[in-house]
Amino acid sequence: MFPIIKLGYRRSISEVKLAILQAIHKSGDSLESLEELVDVTGFN
């Protein structure tokens, strides 16, 4: 990872988007639908 991205990614990605990306990663990168993503993240 480049140092600029490593130090500044939290400023460029909102907390909600980061939570969604983390949920996708934790699910093994395989979600069947947006409804499943909502279940995993807890966002409505």
Protein backbone atom coordinates (compact mmCIF):
# COMPACT_ATOMS: atom_id res chain seq x y z
CA MET A 1 0.00 0.00 0.00
CA PHE A 2 1.25 3.47 -0.80
CA PRO A 3 2.01 5.66 2.22
CA ILE A 4 -0.33 8.45 1.07
CA ILE A 5 -3.28 6.08 0.86
CA LYS A 6 -2.32 4.34 4.08
CA LEU A 7 -2.27 7.62 5.99
CA GLY A 8 -5.20 9.35 4.31
CA TYR A 9 -7.79 6.74 3.36
CA ARG A 10 -10.04 7.54 6.35
CA ARG A 11 -10.44 11.07 5.04
CA SER A 12 -11.40 9.95 1.55
CA ILE A 13 -13.76 7.10 2.56
CA SER A 14 -16.67 7.82 4.88
CA GLU A 15 -17.20 5.67 7.97
CA VAL A 16 -20.32 4.11 6.45
CA LYS A 17 -18.50 3.15 3.25
CA LEU A 18 -15.62 1.76 5.26
CA ALA A 19 -18.05 -0.32 7.35
CA ILE A 20 -19.63 -1.69 4.17
CA LEU A 21 -16.24 -2.63 2.73
CA GLN A 22 -15.25 -4.33 5.99
CA ALA A 23 -18.53 -6.27 6.07
CA ILE A 24 -17.97 -7.48 2.51
CA HIS A 25 -14.45 -8.54 3.41
CA LYS A 26 -15.58 -10.39 6.56
CA SER A 27 -18.25 -12.25 4.60
CA GLY A 28 -15.60 -13.82 2.42
CA ASP A 29 -16.23 -11.40 -0.44
CA SER A 30 -19.46 -13.18 -1.35
CA LEU A 31 -22.83 -11.59 -0.69
CA GLU A 32 -25.83 -12.70 -2.67
CA SER A 33 -27.88 -9.50 -2.48
CA LEU A 34 -28.13 -5.99 -1.08
CA GLU A 35 -30.53 -7.34 1.53
CA GLU A 36 -27.78 -9.64 2.79
CA LEU A 37 -25.41 -6.67 2.92
CA VAL A 38 -27.97 -4.78 5.03
CA ASP A 39 -28.19 -7.76 7.39
CA VAL A 40 -24.41 -7.99 7.72
CA THR A 41 -23.82 -4.25 8.24
CA GLY A 42 -26.93 -3.41 10.26
CA PHE A 43 -27.58 -0.35 8.10
CA ASN A 44 -31.05 0.30 6.71
